[in-house]
Amino acid sequence: MDGLPDEGGGRPQVANSSEGHHTSLSVHALNVLTGLPATGLGVHLSQLRDSNQAWMELMTSATSTDGRMDRSPLASLQLESGTYKLRFATGEYWQQQGLSSFYPYVEVVFTITKAERKVHVPLLLSPYSYATYRGS
């Protein structure tokens, strides 16, 4: 993937469309305080690098008006097996809503295996709690 910094140890494991196996990732964030999508929530996707156990950021984006990222640059990423982290900027999101939040950010760490073709990560938010689960 061009444009990503090389932190000494190779490139991130992002599959090309010409390679065999890849997994697509989608995200959906909901504001449970209002019952509406969490629009404009900042999201960072990173991959754990085996060589030095450091996180390498693959992309930064924000949720759309329906609280999803599956129509963003995230949809074009084809991820290989490995450990990934989604970091949601919840503190900034709640500040934009005129509220304070107990959590400045939420990190969801998950592992993709070769058997998976699609991974969906839902996030339910309130200013003082959050929940996530393996979606379908």
C-alpha atoms as a PDB file:
ATOM      1  CA  MET A   1       0.000   0.000   0.000  1.00  0.00           C
ATOM      2  CA  ASP A   2       1.723   3.186  -1.111  1.00  0.00           C
ATOM      3  CA  GLY A   3       2.040   6.222   1.105  1.00  0.00           C
ATOM      4  CA  LEU A   4       2.423   4.328   4.369  1.00  0.00           C
ATOM      5  CA  PRO A   5       5.524   4.906   6.438  1.00  0.00           C
ATOM      6  CA  ASP A   6       7.952   2.046   6.676  1.00  0.00           C
ATOM      7  CA  GLU A   7       8.959   1.671  10.314  1.00  0.00           C
ATOM      8  CA  GLY A   8      11.876  -0.650   9.624  1.00  0.00           C
ATOM      9  CA  GLY A   9      10.653  -4.180   9.223  1.00  0.00           C
ATOM     10  CA  GLY A  10       8.578  -4.211   6.096  1.00  0.00           C
ATOM     11  CA  ARG A  11       5.180  -3.110   5.005  1.00  0.00           C
ATOM     12  CA  PRO A  12       1.791  -3.791   6.632  1.00  0.00           C
ATOM     13  CA  GLN A  13       0.139  -7.037   5.685  1.00  0.00           C
ATOM     14  CA  VAL A  14      -2.521  -5.642   3.408  1.00  0.00           C
ATOM     15  CA  ALA A  15      -3.478  -7.981   0.604  1.00  0.00           C
ATOM     16  CA  ASN A  16      -3.560  -6.975  -3.035  1.00  0.00           C
ATOM     17  CA  SER A  17      -6.657  -7.926  -5.011  1.00  0.00           C
ATOM     18  CA  SER A  18      -4.478 -10.314  -7.031  1.00  0.00           C
ATOM     19  CA  GLU A  19      -3.596 -12.344  -3.922  1.00  0.00           C
ATOM     20  CA  GLY A  20      -5.674 -15.304  -2.785  1.00  0.00           C
ATOM     21  CA  HIS A  21      -7.178 -14.683   0.658  1.00  0.00           C
ATOM     22  CA  HIS A  22      -8.307 -11.369   2.070  1.00  0.00           C
ATOM     23  CA  THR A  23     -10.809 -10.126   4.624  1.00  0.00           C
ATOM     24  CA  SER A  24     -13.019  -7.063   4.368  1.00  0.00           C
ATOM     25  CA  LEU A  25     -13.743  -4.997   7.473  1.00  0.00           C
ATOM     26  CA  SER A  26     -16.801  -2.889   8.237  1.00  0.00           C
ATOM     27  CA  VAL A  27     -17.623  -0.679  11.234  1.00  0.00           C
ATOM     28  CA  HIS A  28     -20.958   0.654  12.551  1.00  0.00           C
ATOM     29  CA  ALA A  29     -21.140   3.080  15.500  1.00  0.00           C
ATOM     30  CA  LEU A  30     -24.391   3.983  17.251  1.00  0.00           C
ATOM     31  CA  ASN A  31     -25.047   6.690  19.832  1.00  0.00           C
ATOM     32  CA  VAL A  32     -27.266   4.919  22.383  1.00  0.00           C
ATOM     33  CA  LEU A  33     -28.011   8.213  24.149  1.00  0.00           C
ATOM     34  CA  THR A  34     -29.962   9.441  21.111  1.00  0.00           C
ATOM     35  CA  GLY A  35     -30.634   6.125  19.375  1.00  0.00           C
ATOM     36  CA  LEU A  36     -29.034   7.542  16.221  1.00  0.00           C
ATOM     37  CA  PRO A  37     -25.860   6.749  14.244  1.00  0.00           C
ATOM     38  CA  ALA A  38     -22.631   8.219  15.658  1.00  0.00           C
ATOM     39  CA  THR A  39     -21.857  10.572  12.771  1.00  0.00           C
ATOM     40  CA  GLY A  40     -18.344  12.014  12.456  1.00  0.00           C
ATOM     41  CA  LEU A  41     -16.704   9.677  14.972  1.00  0.00           C
ATOM     42  CA  GLY A  42     -12.967   9.571  14.261  1.00  0.00           C
ATOM     43  CA  VAL A  43     -11.556   6.083  13.659  1.00  0.00           C
ATOM     44  CA  HIS A  44      -7.965   4.881  13.285  1.00  0.00           C
ATOM     45  CA  LEU A  45      -7.152   1.388  12.023  1.00  0.00           C
ATOM     46  CA  SER A  46      -3.766  -0.092  12.959  1.00  0.00           C
ATOM     47  CA  GLN A  47      -2.064  -3.457  12.578  1.00  0.00           C
ATOM     48  CA  LEU A  48       0.212  -5.140  15.109  1.00  0.00           C
ATOM     49  CA  ARG A  49       3.622  -5.732  13.565  1.00  0.00           C
ATOM     50  CA  ASP A  50       5.057  -9.137  14.487  1.00  0.00           C
ATOM     51  CA  SER A  51       8.651  -8.075  13.971  1.00  0.00           C
ATOM     52  CA  ASN A  52       8.710  -5.436  16.717  1.00  0.00           C
ATOM     53  CA  GLN A  53       5.277  -5.664  18.389  1.00  0.00           C
ATOM     54  CA  ALA A  54       4.498  -2.055  17.439  1.00  0.00           C
ATOM     55  CA  TRP A  55       1.241  -0.777  15.961  1.00  0.00           C
ATOM     56  CA  MET A  56       1.363   0.575  12.411  1.00  0.00           C
ATOM     57  CA  GLU A  57      -1.491   2.890  11.422  1.00  0.00           C
ATOM     58  CA  LEU A  58      -3.129   1.807   8.169  1.00  0.00           C
ATOM     59  CA  MET A  59      -5.786   4.505   7.860  1.00  0.00           C
ATOM     60  CA  THR A  60      -7.673   7.294   9.583  1.00  0.00           C
ATOM     61  CA  SER A  61     -11.251   8.210   8.779  1.00  0.00           C
ATOM     62  CA  ALA A  62     -14.595   9.117  10.363  1.00  0.00           C
ATOM     63  CA  THR A  63     -18.022   7.554  10.361  1.00  0.00           C
ATOM     64  CA  SER A  64     -20.598   8.727   7.824  1.00  0.00           C
ATOM     65  CA  THR A  65     -24.104  10.022   8.518  1.00  0.00           C
ATOM     66  CA  ASP A  66     -25.299   6.446   9.000  1.00  0.00           C
ATOM     67  CA  GLY A  67     -22.509   5.713  11.500  1.00  0.00           C
ATOM     68  CA  ARG A  68     -20.715   3.347   9.119  1.00  0.00           C
ATOM     69  CA  MET A  69     -17.307   3.181   7.557  1.00  0.00           C
ATOM     70  CA  ASP A  70     -17.924   0.433   5.038  1.00  0.00           C
ATOM     71  CA  ARG A  71     -18.301   2.998   2.216  1.00  0.00           C
ATOM     72  CA  SER A  72     -15.074   4.793   3.093  1.00  0.00           C
ATOM     73  CA  PRO A  73     -11.445   3.988   2.311  1.00  0.00           C
ATOM     74  CA  LEU A  74     -11.874   1.160   4.835  1.00  0.00           C
ATOM     75  CA  ALA A  75     -13.987  -0.731   2.295  1.00  0.00           C
ATOM     76  CA  SER A  76     -11.104  -0.811  -0.177  1.00  0.00           C
ATOM     77  CA  LEU A  77      -8.644  -2.301   2.336  1.00  0.00           C
ATOM     78  CA  GLN A  78      -8.290  -6.045   2.000  1.00  0.00           C
ATOM     79  CA  LEU A  79      -6.721  -7.288   5.213  1.00  0.00           C
ATOM     80  CA  GLU A  80      -4.690 -10.443   5.746  1.00  0.00           C
ATOM     81  CA  SER A  81      -4.606 -12.595   8.864  1.00  0.00           C
ATOM     82  CA  GLY A  82      -3.265 -10.741  11.875  1.00  0.00           C
ATOM     83  CA  THR A  83      -4.092  -8.581  14.884  1.00  0.00           C
ATOM     84  CA  TYR A  84      -5.702  -5.193  14.311  1.00  0.00           C
ATOM     85  CA  LYS A  85      -6.869  -2.277  16.422  1.00  0.00           C
ATOM     86  CA  LEU A  86      -9.687   0.194  15.841  1.00  0.00           C
ATOM     87  CA  ARG A  87      -9.244   3.359  17.916  1.00  0.00           C
ATOM     88  CA  PHE A  88     -12.422   5.443  18.185  1.00  0.00           C
ATOM     89  CA  ALA A  89     -12.047   9.121  19.205  1.00  0.00           C
ATOM     90  CA  THR A  90     -15.003   9.045  21.615  1.00  0.00           C
ATOM     91  CA  GLY A  91     -13.910  12.010  23.747  1.00  0.00           C
ATOM     92  CA  GLU A  92     -13.793  14.320  20.734  1.00  0.00           C
ATOM     93  CA  TYR A  93     -17.108  12.921  19.478  1.00  0.00           C
ATOM     94  CA  TRP A  94     -18.933  13.644  22.763  1.00  0.00           C
ATOM     95  CA  GLN A  95     -17.326  17.079  22.994  1.00  0.00           C
ATOM     96  CA  GLN A  96     -18.776  17.855  19.541  1.00  0.00           C
ATOM     97  CA  GLN A  97     -22.158  16.778  20.942  1.00  0.00           C
ATOM     98  CA  GLY A  98     -21.776  19.275  23.794  1.00  0.00           C
ATOM     99  CA  LEU A  99     -21.147  16.557  26.385  1.00  0.00           C
ATOM    100  CA  SER A 100     -18.206  15.293  28.393  1.00  0.00           C
ATOM    101  CA  SER A 101     -17.137  11.672  28.336  1.00  0.00           C
ATOM    102  CA  PHE A 102     -15.444   9.336  30.781  1.00  0.00           C
ATOM    103  CA  TYR A 103     -13.543   7.620  27.927  1.00  0.00           C
ATOM    104  CA  PRO A 104     -11.255   9.833  25.793  1.00  0.00           C
ATOM    105  CA  TYR A 105     -11.037   6.988  23.273  1.00  0.00           C
ATOM    106  CA  VAL A 106     -12.072   3.368  22.841  1.00  0.00           C
ATOM    107  CA  GLU A 107      -9.712   0.753  21.442  1.00  0.00           C
ATOM    108  CA  VAL A 108     -11.071  -2.488  20.028  1.00  0.00           C
ATOM    109  CA  VAL A 109      -8.356  -5.072  19.346  1.00  0.00           C
ATOM    110  CA  PHE A 110      -9.270  -8.139  17.300  1.00  0.00           C
ATOM    111  CA  THR A 111      -7.675 -10.948  15.324  1.00  0.00           C
ATOM    112  CA  ILE A 112      -8.483 -11.880  11.741  1.00  0.00           C
ATOM    113  CA  THR A 113      -7.921 -15.501  10.741  1.00  0.00           C
ATOM    114  CA  LYS A 114      -7.577 -16.962   7.261  1.00  0.00           C
ATOM    115  CA  ALA A 115     -11.037 -18.522   7.501  1.00  0.00           C
ATOM    116  CA  GLU A 116     -12.768 -15.122   7.699  1.00  0.00           C
ATOM    117  CA  ARG A 117     -13.939 -13.277   4.610  1.00  0.00           C
ATOM    118  CA  LYS A 118     -15.740 -10.430   6.392  1.00  0.00           C
ATOM    119  CA  VAL A 119     -15.355  -8.919   9.842  1.00  0.00           C
ATOM    120  CA  HIS A 120     -17.942  -6.456  11.178  1.00  0.00           C
ATOM    121  CA  VAL A 121     -17.279  -4.417  14.345  1.00  0.00           C
ATOM    122  CA  PRO A 122     -20.306  -2.627  15.851  1.00  0.00           C
ATOM    123  CA  LEU A 123     -19.754  -0.037  18.599  1.00  0.00           C
ATOM    124  CA  LEU A 124     -22.532   1.201  20.903  1.00  0.00           C
ATOM    125  CA  LEU A 125     -21.638   4.476  22.655  1.00  0.00           C
ATOM    126  CA  SER A 126     -22.818   6.611  25.525  1.00  0.00           C
ATOM    127  CA  PRO A 127     -20.783   9.250  27.383  1.00  0.00           C
ATOM    128  CA  TYR A 128     -20.039   6.828  30.230  1.00  0.00           C
ATOM    129  CA  SER A 129     -20.123   3.391  28.642  1.00  0.00           C
ATOM    130  CA  TYR A 130     -19.533   1.479  25.453  1.00  0.00           C
ATOM    131  CA  ALA A 131     -20.123  -2.016  24.123  1.00  0.00           C
ATOM    132  CA  THR A 132     -18.798  -3.871  21.135  1.00  0.00           C
ATOM    133  CA  TYR A 133     -19.211  -7.377  19.783  1.00  0.00           C
ATOM    134  CA  ARG A 134     -18.446  -9.538  16.778  1.00  0.00           C
ATOM    135  CA  GLY A 135     -21.063  -8.556  14.230  1.00  0.00           C
ATOM    136  CA  SER A 136     -22.169 -10.305  11.079  1.00  0.00           C
END
